[in-house]
């Protein structure tokens, strides 16, 4: 029973370590892609959300310029009055992500405005809506800007490799420790037992052709 529990624990730890390594590699790849592309409209998507750097101050103070925003990919039919709606607007052949506050919904038309009160009517048939802004972070925005800079790129690279090597090294160390602590099987009854003085004895042995001298007078 103890052996089975130890082996089961070893298997669980091995799976967990492998999972951590895989998640670390995937996380670092996604983070690198996100940091590289965060100032563009085509950032990476994760769990139905995308991450963007705000490129204007039109929505300040609700959302400041260079804030990191998280956009949930909702269909326009789920928009409600007061939502911060994210949509694409083409300019000079390039799609730019804009955020506006939804004021009114009239069928397939959406009345939106910036914080200055400038209103625009968007049509669901002609506008490529991305979703609604769920949260913002000025700290993450500054962190992304720093990691995109010439000073931040080497730090991000070494930091990523450091985390990866640490996780891999910790997993290897745990694997070695568990392997060395592997319980040994007890000897079976039919196994041979070696003795230093008399060689090898087995469970089944007989005495053949042994003569005993017995003196009845003694």
N, C-alpha and C. Protein backbone atom coordinates (compact mmCIF):
# COMPACT_ATOMS: atom_id res chain seq x y z
N UNK A 1 0.83 -1.21 0.00
CA UNK A 1 0.00 0.00 0.00
C UNK A 1 0.86 1.25 0.00
N UNK A 2 1.93 1.27 0.87
CA UNK A 2 2.82 2.42 0.92
C UNK A 2 3.53 2.61 -0.40
N UNK A 3 3.89 1.48 -1.00
CA UNK A 3 4.56 1.55 -2.28
C UNK A 3 3.66 2.16 -3.33
N UNK A 4 2.39 1.75 -3.37
CA UNK A 4 1.44 2.28 -4.34
C UNK A 4 1.21 3.76 -4.10
N UNK A 5 1.11 4.17 -2.85
CA UNK A 5 0.92 5.59 -2.55
C UNK A 5 2.13 6.41 -2.97
N UNK A 6 3.32 5.90 -2.71
CA UNK A 6 4.53 6.61 -3.09
C UNK A 6 4.64 6.74 -4.59
N UNK A 7 4.34 5.67 -5.30
CA UNK A 7 4.39 5.70 -6.75
C UNK A 7 3.33 6.64 -7.30
N UNK A 8 2.14 6.63 -6.69
CA UNK A 8 1.09 7.54 -7.13
C UNK A 8 1.46 8.98 -6.89
N UNK A 9 2.04 9.26 -5.74
CA UNK A 9 2.49 10.63 -5.45
C UNK A 9 3.56 11.07 -6.43
N UNK A 10 4.47 10.15 -6.74
CA UNK A 10 5.51 10.47 -7.71
C UNK A 10 4.92 10.80 -9.07
N UNK A 11 3.95 10.02 -9.51
CA UNK A 11 3.32 10.27 -10.79
C UNK A 11 2.60 11.62 -10.81
N UNK A 12 1.92 11.94 -9.70
CA UNK A 12 1.20 13.21 -9.63
C UNK A 12 2.17 14.38 -9.70
N UNK A 13 3.26 14.30 -8.95
CA UNK A 13 4.24 15.39 -8.96
C UNK A 13 4.88 15.53 -10.34
N UNK A 14 5.15 14.42 -11.00
CA UNK A 14 5.73 14.47 -12.35
C UNK A 14 4.78 15.16 -13.32
N UNK A 15 3.50 14.81 -13.24
CA UNK A 15 2.51 15.43 -14.12
C UNK A 15 2.39 16.92 -13.83
N UNK A 16 2.37 17.27 -12.54
CA UNK A 16 2.26 18.68 -12.16
C UNK A 16 3.46 19.47 -12.66
N UNK A 17 4.66 18.93 -12.50
CA UNK A 17 5.87 19.61 -12.95
C UNK A 17 5.85 19.80 -14.48
N UNK A 18 5.44 18.76 -15.19
CA UNK A 18 5.36 18.86 -16.65
C UNK A 18 4.33 19.91 -17.06
N UNK A 19 3.22 19.96 -16.33
CA UNK A 19 2.18 20.94 -16.62
C UNK A 19 2.68 22.36 -16.36
N UNK A 20 3.43 22.54 -15.28
CA UNK A 20 3.97 23.86 -14.96
C UNK A 20 4.96 24.32 -16.02
N UNK A 21 5.81 23.39 -16.48
CA UNK A 21 6.77 23.74 -17.52
C UNK A 21 6.05 24.14 -18.80
N UNK A 22 5.04 23.36 -19.19
CA UNK A 22 4.29 23.66 -20.41
C UNK A 22 3.58 25.01 -20.29
N UNK A 23 2.94 25.25 -19.15
CA UNK A 23 2.23 26.53 -18.96
C UNK A 23 3.21 27.70 -18.95
N UNK A 24 4.40 27.49 -18.37
CA UNK A 24 5.39 28.56 -18.35
C UNK A 24 5.85 28.92 -19.76
N UNK A 25 6.11 27.89 -20.56
CA UNK A 25 6.55 28.14 -21.94
C UNK A 25 5.45 28.86 -22.72
N UNK A 26 4.21 28.36 -22.62
CA UNK A 26 3.10 28.99 -23.35
C UNK A 26 2.87 30.41 -22.85
N UNK A 27 2.93 30.59 -21.51
CA UNK A 27 2.71 31.92 -20.95
C UNK A 27 3.76 32.93 -21.40
N UNK A 28 5.03 32.51 -21.44
CA UNK A 28 6.08 33.41 -21.88
C UNK A 28 5.94 33.75 -23.35
N UNK A 29 5.53 32.77 -24.16
CA UNK A 29 5.31 33.05 -25.59
C UNK A 29 4.18 34.05 -25.78
N UNK A 30 3.05 33.81 -25.08
CA UNK A 30 1.91 34.72 -25.19
C UNK A 30 2.26 36.11 -24.67
N UNK A 31 3.00 36.17 -23.56
CA UNK A 31 3.39 37.46 -23.01
C UNK A 31 4.30 38.21 -23.98
N UNK A 32 5.23 37.49 -24.59
CA UNK A 32 6.10 38.13 -25.56
C UNK A 32 5.34 38.67 -26.76
N UNK A 33 4.40 37.87 -27.27
CA UNK A 33 3.59 38.34 -28.40
C UNK A 33 2.75 39.54 -27.99
N UNK A 34 2.18 39.48 -26.79
CA UNK A 34 1.35 40.58 -26.33
C UNK A 34 2.14 41.86 -26.14
N UNK A 35 3.33 41.74 -25.55
CA UNK A 35 4.17 42.93 -25.35
C UNK A 35 4.59 43.53 -26.68
N UNK A 36 4.90 42.68 -27.64
CA UNK A 36 5.35 43.17 -28.94
C UNK A 36 4.23 43.85 -29.70
N UNK A 37 3.01 43.31 -29.60
CA UNK A 37 1.91 43.81 -30.42
C UNK A 37 0.87 44.61 -29.64
N UNK A 38 1.14 44.92 -28.39
CA UNK A 38 0.12 45.56 -27.57
C UNK A 38 -0.27 46.94 -28.08
N UNK A 39 0.62 47.60 -28.83
CA UNK A 39 0.30 48.92 -29.33
C UNK A 39 -0.42 48.85 -30.68
N UNK A 40 -0.72 47.64 -31.14
CA UNK A 40 -1.44 47.48 -32.39
C UNK A 40 -2.84 46.96 -32.10
N UNK A 41 -3.63 46.87 -33.15
CA UNK A 41 -5.00 46.37 -32.96
C UNK A 41 -5.03 44.85 -32.92
N UNK A 42 -4.05 44.19 -33.52
CA UNK A 42 -4.08 42.73 -33.60
C UNK A 42 -3.33 42.06 -32.48
N UNK A 43 -3.72 42.29 -31.25
CA UNK A 43 -3.06 41.63 -30.13
C UNK A 43 -3.56 40.20 -30.01
N UNK A 44 -2.94 39.43 -29.12
CA UNK A 44 -3.34 38.05 -28.94
C UNK A 44 -4.63 37.97 -28.13
N UNK A 45 -5.38 36.93 -28.38
CA UNK A 45 -6.63 36.69 -27.68
C UNK A 45 -6.43 35.56 -26.67
N UNK A 46 -7.07 35.70 -25.52
CA UNK A 46 -6.97 34.68 -24.49
C UNK A 46 -8.29 34.63 -23.73
N UNK A 47 -8.95 33.45 -23.79
CA UNK A 47 -10.22 33.23 -23.09
C UNK A 47 -11.28 34.26 -23.50
N UNK A 48 -11.34 34.53 -24.80
CA UNK A 48 -12.38 35.44 -25.29
C UNK A 48 -12.12 36.90 -24.99
N UNK A 49 -10.89 37.24 -24.67
CA UNK A 49 -10.53 38.62 -24.36
C UNK A 49 -9.24 38.98 -25.09
N UNK A 50 -9.08 40.25 -25.39
CA UNK A 50 -7.85 40.73 -26.01
C UNK A 50 -7.34 41.93 -25.23
N UNK A 51 -6.05 42.21 -25.39
CA UNK A 51 -5.38 43.20 -24.58
C UNK A 51 -4.76 44.26 -25.49
N UNK A 52 -5.03 45.52 -25.19
CA UNK A 52 -4.62 46.62 -26.06
C UNK A 52 -4.12 47.80 -25.25
N UNK A 53 -3.25 48.59 -25.87
CA UNK A 53 -2.85 49.87 -25.32
C UNK A 53 -3.75 50.95 -25.92
N UNK A 54 -4.32 51.75 -25.07
CA UNK A 54 -5.16 52.85 -25.54
C UNK A 54 -4.28 53.84 -26.30
N UNK A 55 -4.71 54.21 -27.51
CA UNK A 55 -3.88 55.02 -28.38
C UNK A 55 -4.31 56.48 -28.45
N UNK A 56 -5.25 56.87 -27.62
CA UNK A 56 -5.68 58.27 -27.62
C UNK A 56 -6.22 58.63 -26.24
N UNK A 57 -6.38 59.93 -26.02
CA UNK A 57 -6.92 60.40 -24.76
C UNK A 57 -8.37 60.84 -24.88
N UNK A 58 -9.07 60.35 -25.92
CA UNK A 58 -10.46 60.77 -26.15
C UNK A 58 -11.38 60.34 -25.02
N UNK A 59 -11.03 59.28 -24.29
CA UNK A 59 -11.90 58.77 -23.24
C UNK A 59 -11.39 59.11 -21.84
N UNK A 60 -10.41 59.99 -21.75
CA UNK A 60 -9.92 60.42 -20.44
C UNK A 60 -11.00 61.29 -19.75
N UNK A 61 -11.17 61.16 -18.45
CA UNK A 61 -10.34 60.39 -17.50
C UNK A 61 -10.79 58.94 -17.30
N UNK A 62 -11.86 58.51 -18.00
CA UNK A 62 -12.30 57.12 -17.83
C UNK A 62 -11.20 56.15 -18.24
N UNK A 63 -10.60 56.41 -19.42
CA UNK A 63 -9.45 55.62 -19.91
C UNK A 63 -8.44 56.61 -20.43
N UNK A 64 -7.26 56.59 -19.86
CA UNK A 64 -6.21 57.52 -20.27
C UNK A 64 -5.39 56.94 -21.41
N UNK A 65 -4.68 57.82 -22.08
CA UNK A 65 -3.81 57.40 -23.17
C UNK A 65 -2.72 56.48 -22.64
N UNK A 66 -2.47 55.37 -23.34
CA UNK A 66 -1.47 54.35 -23.01
C UNK A 66 -1.88 53.48 -21.83
N UNK A 67 -3.12 53.54 -21.41
CA UNK A 67 -3.61 52.55 -20.44
C UNK A 67 -3.78 51.20 -21.13
N UNK A 68 -3.51 50.13 -20.41
CA UNK A 68 -3.80 48.80 -20.92
C UNK A 68 -5.27 48.49 -20.68
N UNK A 69 -5.99 48.13 -21.73
CA UNK A 69 -7.41 47.82 -21.61
C UNK A 69 -7.64 46.36 -21.98
N UNK A 70 -8.59 45.75 -21.30
CA UNK A 70 -8.99 44.37 -21.58
C UNK A 70 -10.37 44.41 -22.19
N UNK A 71 -10.48 43.90 -23.39
CA UNK A 71 -11.73 43.94 -24.14
C UNK A 71 -12.32 42.54 -24.21
N UNK A 72 -13.55 42.40 -23.75
CA UNK A 72 -14.27 41.13 -23.86
C UNK A 72 -15.01 41.10 -25.18
N UNK A 73 -14.87 40.01 -25.91
CA UNK A 73 -15.44 39.92 -27.24
C UNK A 73 -16.93 39.57 -27.17
N UNK A 74 -17.73 40.60 -27.03
CA UNK A 74 -19.18 40.44 -26.97
C UNK A 74 -19.79 40.85 -28.30
N UNK A 75 -20.90 40.23 -28.72
CA UNK A 75 -21.59 40.66 -29.93
C UNK A 75 -22.32 41.98 -29.67
N UNK A 76 -22.54 42.78 -30.72
CA UNK A 76 -23.22 44.06 -30.53
C UNK A 76 -24.61 43.93 -29.92
N UNK A 77 -25.26 42.81 -30.12
CA UNK A 77 -26.61 42.64 -29.57
C UNK A 77 -26.62 42.59 -28.05
N UNK A 78 -25.45 42.37 -27.45
CA UNK A 78 -25.38 42.31 -25.98
C UNK A 78 -24.98 43.65 -25.36
N UNK A 79 -24.73 44.65 -26.19
CA UNK A 79 -24.32 45.95 -25.66
C UNK A 79 -25.48 46.60 -24.91
N UNK A 80 -25.13 47.33 -23.85
CA UNK A 80 -26.12 48.05 -23.06
C UNK A 80 -25.69 49.49 -22.90
N UNK A 81 -26.67 50.35 -22.66
CA UNK A 81 -26.38 51.76 -22.50
C UNK A 81 -25.38 51.99 -21.36
N UNK A 82 -24.38 52.81 -21.65
CA UNK A 82 -23.32 53.08 -20.67
C UNK A 82 -22.08 52.24 -20.84
N UNK A 83 -22.13 51.20 -21.68
CA UNK A 83 -20.96 50.35 -21.91
C UNK A 83 -19.88 51.13 -22.65
N UNK A 84 -18.65 50.78 -22.37
CA UNK A 84 -17.52 51.29 -23.16
C UNK A 84 -17.29 50.31 -24.30
N UNK A 85 -17.62 50.74 -25.50
CA UNK A 85 -17.63 49.87 -26.66
C UNK A 85 -16.33 50.06 -27.45
N UNK A 86 -15.70 48.95 -27.81
CA UNK A 86 -14.48 48.98 -28.61
C UNK A 86 -14.82 48.53 -30.03
N UNK A 87 -14.33 49.29 -31.00
CA UNK A 87 -14.60 48.97 -32.41
C UNK A 87 -13.43 49.44 -33.25
N UNK A 88 -13.37 48.92 -34.48
CA UNK A 88 -12.29 49.28 -35.39
C UNK A 88 -12.76 50.37 -36.34
N UNK A 89 -11.83 51.28 -36.62
CA UNK A 89 -12.07 52.33 -37.60
C UNK A 89 -10.88 52.41 -38.53
N UNK A 90 -11.14 52.34 -39.82
CA UNK A 90 -10.05 52.33 -40.79
C UNK A 90 -9.60 53.75 -41.10
N UNK A 91 -8.29 53.92 -41.11
CA UNK A 91 -7.70 55.21 -41.45
C UNK A 91 -6.39 54.96 -42.17
N UNK A 92 -6.28 55.50 -43.37
CA UNK A 92 -5.09 55.32 -44.21
C UNK A 92 -4.81 53.84 -44.45
N UNK A 93 -5.87 53.06 -44.61
CA UNK A 93 -5.73 51.64 -44.91
C UNK A 93 -5.35 50.79 -43.71
N UNK A 94 -5.35 51.37 -42.50
CA UNK A 94 -4.99 50.64 -41.29
C UNK A 94 -6.14 50.71 -40.31
N UNK A 95 -6.45 49.56 -39.69
CA UNK A 95 -7.51 49.52 -38.68
C UNK A 95 -6.98 50.04 -37.35
N UNK A 96 -7.70 50.98 -36.77
CA UNK A 96 -7.37 51.53 -35.47
C UNK A 96 -8.49 51.20 -34.49
N UNK A 97 -8.10 50.80 -33.29
CA UNK A 97 -9.09 50.46 -32.27
C UNK A 97 -9.49 51.72 -31.51
N UNK A 98 -10.79 51.99 -31.47
CA UNK A 98 -11.33 53.13 -30.76
C UNK A 98 -12.27 52.63 -29.66
N UNK A 99 -12.42 53.46 -28.63
CA UNK A 99 -13.33 53.16 -27.53
C UNK A 99 -14.26 54.35 -27.34
N UNK A 100 -15.54 54.08 -27.28
CA UNK A 100 -16.53 55.12 -27.06
C UNK A 100 -17.59 54.60 -26.09
N UNK A 101 -18.26 55.54 -25.45
CA UNK A 101 -19.34 55.17 -24.53
C UNK A 101 -20.66 55.09 -25.29
N UNK A 102 -21.37 54.01 -25.06
CA UNK A 102 -22.64 53.80 -25.76
C UNK A 102 -23.74 54.61 -25.07
N UNK A 103 -24.40 55.46 -25.87
CA UNK A 103 -25.46 56.31 -25.34
C UNK A 103 -26.85 55.76 -25.63
N UNK A 104 -27.00 55.20 -26.84
CA UNK A 104 -28.34 54.78 -27.25
C UNK A 104 -28.24 53.72 -28.34
N UNK A 105 -29.22 52.82 -28.36
CA UNK A 105 -29.30 51.79 -29.39
C UNK A 105 -30.62 51.95 -30.12
N UNK A 106 -30.54 52.13 -31.44
CA UNK A 106 -31.73 52.25 -32.29
C UNK A 106 -31.68 51.18 -33.37
N UNK A 107 -32.21 50.02 -33.06
CA UNK A 107 -32.17 48.92 -34.02
C UNK A 107 -30.75 48.46 -34.24
N UNK A 108 -30.24 48.67 -35.47
CA UNK A 108 -28.86 48.27 -35.80
C UNK A 108 -27.92 49.47 -35.71
N UNK A 109 -28.42 50.60 -35.22
CA UNK A 109 -27.59 51.79 -35.09
C UNK A 109 -27.24 52.04 -33.63
N UNK A 110 -26.00 52.41 -33.41
CA UNK A 110 -25.50 52.61 -32.05
C UNK A 110 -24.95 54.04 -31.95
N UNK A 111 -25.51 54.79 -31.04
CA UNK A 111 -25.06 56.17 -30.81
C UNK A 111 -24.00 56.14 -29.71
N UNK A 112 -22.77 56.55 -30.07
CA UNK A 112 -21.66 56.53 -29.13
C UNK A 112 -21.06 57.92 -29.05
N UNK A 113 -20.27 58.15 -27.99
CA UNK A 113 -19.65 59.46 -27.82
C UNK A 113 -18.37 59.31 -27.02
N UNK A 114 -17.45 60.25 -27.23
CA UNK A 114 -16.25 60.29 -26.40
C UNK A 114 -16.55 61.09 -25.14
N UNK A 115 -15.56 61.28 -24.29
CA UNK A 115 -15.79 61.97 -23.03
C UNK A 115 -16.05 63.46 -23.22
N UNK A 116 -15.69 64.00 -24.37
CA UNK A 116 -15.96 65.40 -24.67
C UNK A 116 -17.40 65.62 -25.14
N UNK A 117 -18.12 64.53 -25.41
CA UNK A 117 -19.52 64.63 -25.83
C UNK A 117 -19.74 64.58 -27.32
N UNK A 118 -18.67 64.36 -28.09
CA UNK A 118 -18.81 64.27 -29.54
C UNK A 118 -19.45 62.94 -29.90
N UNK A 119 -20.64 63.03 -30.53
CA UNK A 119 -21.41 61.82 -30.82
C UNK A 119 -21.17 61.32 -32.24
N UNK A 120 -21.24 60.01 -32.37
CA UNK A 120 -21.10 59.34 -33.66
C UNK A 120 -22.12 58.22 -33.72
N UNK A 121 -22.74 58.04 -34.89
CA UNK A 121 -23.70 56.95 -35.08
C UNK A 121 -23.00 55.83 -35.85
N UNK A 122 -22.96 54.66 -35.24
CA UNK A 122 -22.34 53.49 -35.86
C UNK A 122 -23.40 52.49 -36.26
N UNK A 123 -23.21 51.88 -37.42
CA UNK A 123 -24.13 50.85 -37.89
C UNK A 123 -23.50 49.48 -37.69
N UNK A 124 -24.30 48.54 -37.18
CA UNK A 124 -23.79 47.19 -36.96
C UNK A 124 -23.45 46.50 -38.27
N UNK A 125 -24.03 46.98 -39.36
CA UNK A 125 -23.77 46.37 -40.67
C UNK A 125 -22.45 46.85 -41.26
N UNK A 126 -22.01 48.04 -40.89
CA UNK A 126 -20.80 48.62 -41.49
C UNK A 126 -19.63 48.72 -40.52
N UNK A 127 -19.87 48.51 -39.22
CA UNK A 127 -18.83 48.68 -38.22
C UNK A 127 -18.38 47.33 -37.69
N UNK A 128 -17.09 47.18 -37.55
CA UNK A 128 -16.54 45.94 -36.99
C UNK A 128 -16.32 46.14 -35.49
N UNK A 129 -17.32 45.73 -34.72
CA UNK A 129 -17.24 45.85 -33.27
C UNK A 129 -16.35 44.73 -32.72
N UNK A 130 -15.57 45.08 -31.70
CA UNK A 130 -14.73 44.08 -31.04
C UNK A 130 -15.38 43.58 -29.76
N UNK A 131 -15.97 44.48 -28.98
CA UNK A 131 -16.61 44.07 -27.73
C UNK A 131 -16.69 45.23 -26.76
N UNK A 132 -16.70 44.91 -25.48
CA UNK A 132 -16.81 45.92 -24.44
C UNK A 132 -15.56 45.90 -23.56
N UNK A 133 -15.18 47.07 -23.09
CA UNK A 133 -14.01 47.20 -22.22
C UNK A 133 -14.40 46.75 -20.82
N UNK A 134 -13.68 45.77 -20.30
CA UNK A 134 -13.97 45.23 -18.98
C UNK A 134 -13.15 45.89 -17.88
N UNK A 135 -11.92 46.21 -18.16
CA UNK A 135 -11.07 46.81 -17.14
C UNK A 135 -9.91 47.53 -17.81
N UNK A 136 -9.20 48.30 -17.02
CA UNK A 136 -8.03 49.04 -17.51
C UNK A 136 -6.96 49.00 -16.44
N UNK A 137 -5.71 49.27 -16.85
CA UNK A 137 -4.61 49.29 -15.91
C UNK A 137 -3.53 50.22 -16.43
N UNK A 138 -3.30 51.30 -15.70
CA UNK A 138 -2.22 52.21 -16.06
C UNK A 138 -0.86 51.58 -15.79
N UNK A 139 -0.77 50.75 -14.72
CA UNK A 139 0.51 50.12 -14.37
C UNK A 139 0.95 49.15 -15.47
N UNK A 140 0.01 48.31 -15.94
CA UNK A 140 0.35 47.37 -17.01
C UNK A 140 0.71 48.11 -18.29
N UNK A 141 0.04 49.22 -18.54
CA UNK A 141 0.37 50.01 -19.72
C UNK A 141 1.79 50.53 -19.65
N UNK A 142 2.20 51.05 -18.51
CA UNK A 142 3.57 51.54 -18.35
C UNK A 142 4.58 50.40 -18.44
N UNK A 143 4.20 49.22 -17.88
CA UNK A 143 5.11 48.07 -17.94
C UNK A 143 5.32 47.62 -19.38
N UNK A 144 4.25 47.59 -20.16
CA UNK A 144 4.37 47.18 -21.57
C UNK A 144 5.21 48.18 -22.34
N UNK A 145 5.01 49.48 -22.11
CA UNK A 145 5.81 50.49 -22.79
C UNK A 145 7.29 50.35 -22.44
N UNK A 146 7.58 50.04 -21.18
CA UNK A 146 8.97 49.86 -20.79
C UNK A 146 9.57 48.62 -21.45
N UNK A 147 8.82 47.51 -21.47
CA UNK A 147 9.34 46.29 -22.07
C UNK A 147 9.49 46.41 -23.58
N UNK A 148 8.77 47.35 -24.19
CA UNK A 148 8.93 47.58 -25.62
C UNK A 148 10.11 48.50 -25.93
N UNK A 149 10.63 49.17 -24.92
CA UNK A 149 11.73 50.09 -25.13
C UNK A 149 13.04 49.33 -25.29
N UNK A 150 14.08 50.05 -25.73
CA UNK A 150 15.39 49.43 -25.93
C UNK A 150 15.99 48.97 -24.62
N UNK A 151 15.69 49.66 -23.53
CA UNK A 151 16.20 49.24 -22.22
C UNK A 151 15.43 48.05 -21.66
N UNK A 152 14.15 47.96 -22.00
CA UNK A 152 13.32 46.91 -21.43
C UNK A 152 13.40 45.58 -22.13
N UNK A 153 13.73 45.58 -23.43
CA UNK A 153 13.78 44.33 -24.18
C UNK A 153 14.78 43.33 -23.62
N UNK A 154 16.04 43.73 -23.32
CA UNK A 154 16.97 42.75 -22.73
C UNK A 154 16.50 42.24 -21.37
N UNK A 155 15.91 43.13 -20.57
CA UNK A 155 15.42 42.71 -19.27
C UNK A 155 14.32 41.67 -19.42
N UNK A 156 13.40 41.91 -20.34
CA UNK A 156 12.32 40.95 -20.58
C UNK A 156 12.88 39.62 -21.07
N UNK A 157 13.87 39.65 -21.94
CA UNK A 157 14.45 38.42 -22.48
C UNK A 157 15.12 37.60 -21.39
N UNK A 158 15.98 38.22 -20.58
CA UNK A 158 16.68 37.49 -19.53
C UNK A 158 15.73 37.06 -18.43
N UNK A 159 14.75 37.89 -18.14
CA UNK A 159 13.76 37.52 -17.14
C UNK A 159 12.97 36.28 -17.58
N UNK A 160 12.62 36.22 -18.86
CA UNK A 160 11.88 35.07 -19.37
C UNK A 160 12.71 33.80 -19.30
N UNK A 161 13.97 33.88 -19.74
CA UNK A 161 14.85 32.71 -19.68
C UNK A 161 15.11 32.30 -18.24
N UNK A 162 15.24 33.27 -17.34
CA UNK A 162 15.47 32.95 -15.93
C UNK A 162 14.32 32.17 -15.33
N UNK A 163 13.09 32.61 -15.60
CA UNK A 163 11.92 31.90 -15.09
C UNK A 163 11.85 30.49 -15.67
N UNK A 164 12.11 30.38 -16.97
CA UNK A 164 12.03 29.07 -17.62
C UNK A 164 13.08 28.11 -17.05
N UNK A 165 14.31 28.57 -16.90
CA UNK A 165 15.37 27.70 -16.36
C UNK A 165 15.09 27.33 -14.91
N UNK A 166 14.54 28.26 -14.13
CA UNK A 166 14.21 27.96 -12.74
C UNK A 166 13.15 26.87 -12.65
N UNK A 167 12.10 26.98 -13.46
CA UNK A 167 11.03 25.99 -13.43
C UNK A 167 11.54 24.63 -13.88
N UNK A 168 12.32 24.61 -14.97
CA UNK A 168 12.86 23.34 -15.47
C UNK A 168 13.82 22.73 -14.43
N UNK A 169 14.69 23.54 -13.84
CA UNK A 169 15.62 23.02 -12.84
C UNK A 169 14.92 22.48 -11.61
N UNK A 170 13.88 23.19 -11.16
CA UNK A 170 13.12 22.71 -10.01
C UNK A 170 12.42 21.39 -10.32
N UNK A 171 11.90 21.26 -11.52
CA UNK A 171 11.24 20.01 -11.90
C UNK A 171 12.23 18.86 -11.95
N UNK A 172 13.43 19.10 -12.49
CA UNK A 172 14.44 18.04 -12.55
C UNK A 172 14.88 17.65 -11.14
N UNK A 173 15.05 18.64 -10.26
CA UNK A 173 15.46 18.35 -8.89
C UNK A 173 14.42 17.50 -8.16
N UNK A 174 13.15 17.84 -8.31
CA UNK A 174 12.09 17.05 -7.68
C UNK A 174 12.07 15.63 -8.24
N UNK A 175 12.30 15.51 -9.54
CA UNK A 175 12.31 14.17 -10.16
C UNK A 175 13.45 13.33 -9.60
N UNK A 176 14.62 13.92 -9.43
CA UNK A 176 15.77 13.18 -8.90
C UNK A 176 15.53 12.78 -7.44
N UNK A 177 14.99 13.70 -6.64
CA UNK A 177 14.71 13.39 -5.23
C UNK A 177 13.72 12.26 -5.11
N UNK A 178 12.66 12.30 -5.90
CA UNK A 178 11.65 11.25 -5.84
C UNK A 178 12.21 9.92 -6.32
N UNK A 179 13.10 9.95 -7.31
CA UNK A 179 13.68 8.72 -7.81
C UNK A 179 14.59 8.08 -6.77
N UNK A 180 15.35 8.88 -6.04
CA UNK A 180 16.25 8.34 -5.01
C UNK A 180 15.49 7.82 -3.80
N UNK A 181 14.32 8.35 -3.54
CA UNK A 181 13.53 7.91 -2.40
C UNK A 181 12.57 6.79 -2.75
N UNK A 182 12.78 6.18 -3.87
CA UNK A 182 11.91 5.09 -4.32
C UNK A 182 12.00 3.92 -3.35
N UNK A 183 10.90 3.43 -2.84
CA UNK A 183 10.95 2.31 -1.87
C UNK A 183 11.44 1.03 -2.52
N UNK A 184 12.28 0.27 -1.78
CA UNK A 184 12.79 -0.99 -2.28
C UNK A 184 11.82 -2.12 -1.94
N UNK A 185 11.73 -3.06 -2.85
CA UNK A 185 10.84 -4.19 -2.64
C UNK A 185 11.44 -5.16 -1.64
N UNK A 186 10.64 -5.67 -0.71
CA UNK A 186 11.17 -6.68 0.25
C UNK A 186 11.45 -7.99 -0.47
N UNK A 187 12.43 -8.78 0.00
CA UNK A 187 12.75 -10.05 -0.68
C UNK A 187 11.62 -11.06 -0.52
N UNK A 188 11.39 -11.81 -1.59
CA UNK A 188 10.38 -12.86 -1.56
C UNK A 188 10.92 -14.10 -0.87
N UNK A 189 10.03 -14.99 -0.51
CA UNK A 189 10.43 -16.19 0.21
C UNK A 189 11.30 -17.10 -0.65
N UNK A 190 11.06 -17.11 -1.96
CA UNK A 190 11.79 -18.02 -2.84
C UNK A 190 13.09 -17.40 -3.37
N UNK A 191 13.37 -16.16 -2.97
CA UNK A 191 14.59 -15.54 -3.46
C UNK A 191 15.81 -16.13 -2.76
N UNK A 192 16.93 -16.13 -3.46
CA UNK A 192 18.17 -16.60 -2.89
C UNK A 192 18.75 -15.57 -1.94
N UNK A 193 19.29 -16.03 -0.84
CA UNK A 193 19.89 -15.15 0.16
C UNK A 193 21.38 -15.45 0.21
N UNK A 194 22.19 -14.43 -0.04
CA UNK A 194 23.63 -14.62 -0.05
C UNK A 194 24.19 -14.38 1.34
N UNK A 195 25.04 -15.29 1.77
CA UNK A 195 25.72 -15.14 3.05
C UNK A 195 27.22 -15.05 2.78
N UNK A 196 27.93 -14.21 3.53
CA UNK A 196 29.36 -14.02 3.23
C UNK A 196 30.21 -15.25 3.52
N UNK A 197 29.83 -16.10 4.49
CA UNK A 197 30.70 -17.21 4.88
C UNK A 197 30.36 -18.51 4.18
N UNK A 198 29.12 -18.74 3.90
CA UNK A 198 28.72 -20.07 3.43
C UNK A 198 28.13 -20.07 2.04
N UNK A 199 28.24 -18.99 1.34
CA UNK A 199 27.75 -19.00 -0.02
C UNK A 199 26.27 -18.71 -0.08
N UNK A 200 25.58 -19.43 -0.95
CA UNK A 200 24.17 -19.18 -1.24
C UNK A 200 23.31 -20.28 -0.67
N UNK A 201 22.31 -19.88 0.10
CA UNK A 201 21.34 -20.81 0.65
C UNK A 201 19.98 -20.53 0.06
N UNK A 202 19.20 -21.57 -0.08
CA UNK A 202 17.83 -21.41 -0.55
C UNK A 202 16.90 -21.93 0.50
N UNK A 203 15.62 -21.66 0.28
CA UNK A 203 14.63 -22.11 1.25
C UNK A 203 14.55 -23.63 1.29
N UNK A 204 14.62 -24.29 0.15
CA UNK A 204 14.47 -25.74 0.06
C UNK A 204 15.85 -26.38 0.06
N UNK A 205 16.23 -27.05 1.15
CA UNK A 205 17.50 -27.76 1.20
C UNK A 205 17.30 -29.03 2.05
N UNK A 206 18.08 -30.07 1.75
CA UNK A 206 17.99 -31.36 2.45
C UNK A 206 19.41 -31.81 2.80
N UNK A 207 19.48 -32.67 3.81
CA UNK A 207 20.75 -33.28 4.17
C UNK A 207 20.75 -34.71 3.64
N UNK A 208 21.61 -34.98 2.68
CA UNK A 208 21.70 -36.31 2.09
C UNK A 208 23.01 -36.97 2.50
N UNK A 209 22.88 -38.30 2.70
CA UNK A 209 24.06 -39.13 2.94
C UNK A 209 24.92 -38.62 4.09
N UNK A 210 24.29 -38.31 5.20
CA UNK A 210 25.00 -37.85 6.36
C UNK A 210 24.98 -38.98 7.41
N UNK A 211 26.15 -39.45 7.83
CA UNK A 211 26.27 -40.52 8.83
C UNK A 211 26.62 -39.94 10.17
N UNK A 212 25.88 -40.37 11.17
CA UNK A 212 26.14 -39.91 12.51
C UNK A 212 26.64 -41.11 13.33
N UNK A 213 27.77 -40.98 13.99
CA UNK A 213 28.31 -42.02 14.89
C UNK A 213 27.76 -41.80 16.27
N UNK A 214 27.09 -42.86 16.74
CA UNK A 214 26.44 -42.72 18.04
C UNK A 214 26.96 -43.83 18.97
N UNK A 215 27.51 -43.45 20.06
CA UNK A 215 28.03 -44.42 21.02
C UNK A 215 27.01 -44.61 22.13
N UNK A 216 26.46 -45.81 22.20
CA UNK A 216 25.40 -46.04 23.19
C UNK A 216 25.91 -46.15 24.60
N UNK A 217 27.28 -46.40 24.74
CA UNK A 217 27.80 -46.53 26.08
C UNK A 217 28.01 -45.15 26.73
N UNK A 218 28.02 -44.17 25.94
CA UNK A 218 28.25 -42.85 26.50
C UNK A 218 26.95 -42.24 26.94
